[in-house]
């Protein structure tokens, strides 16, 4: 069933040397969607990296599907938070350029510089 946008689950299983039932169980649990094409179950290519990560967590660390779901959700949240931090840093840099201010004391007074103690 290999098309440009889809790959058969059986091909995924062959490539990663994993049983079809396990890959299907992950899909049934909702870790990635499957598609039906020409009578075979498969995945869209856009999910291949996710499937690879899932299989790696399962095979190398022995993590079950529930644990994998938690890990993937946390990774997505971390990624979202990092994007938010990056966006805020860009806004602060933009404000600093607009105001023409680079002195730390002035930036602290304006709330554009915060010191964090560990």
Foldseek 3Di string as FASTA:
>chain_A
DDDPFKDFLVVVCVVLVHDSVQLVVLCVVPQFDWDADPRTIIHTPVCSVSSVVVVCCCPVVVDDSVRSVVVVVVVVVVVVVVVVVVVLVVVLVVVCVVVVDDDPVVCVVVVSDDDDDD
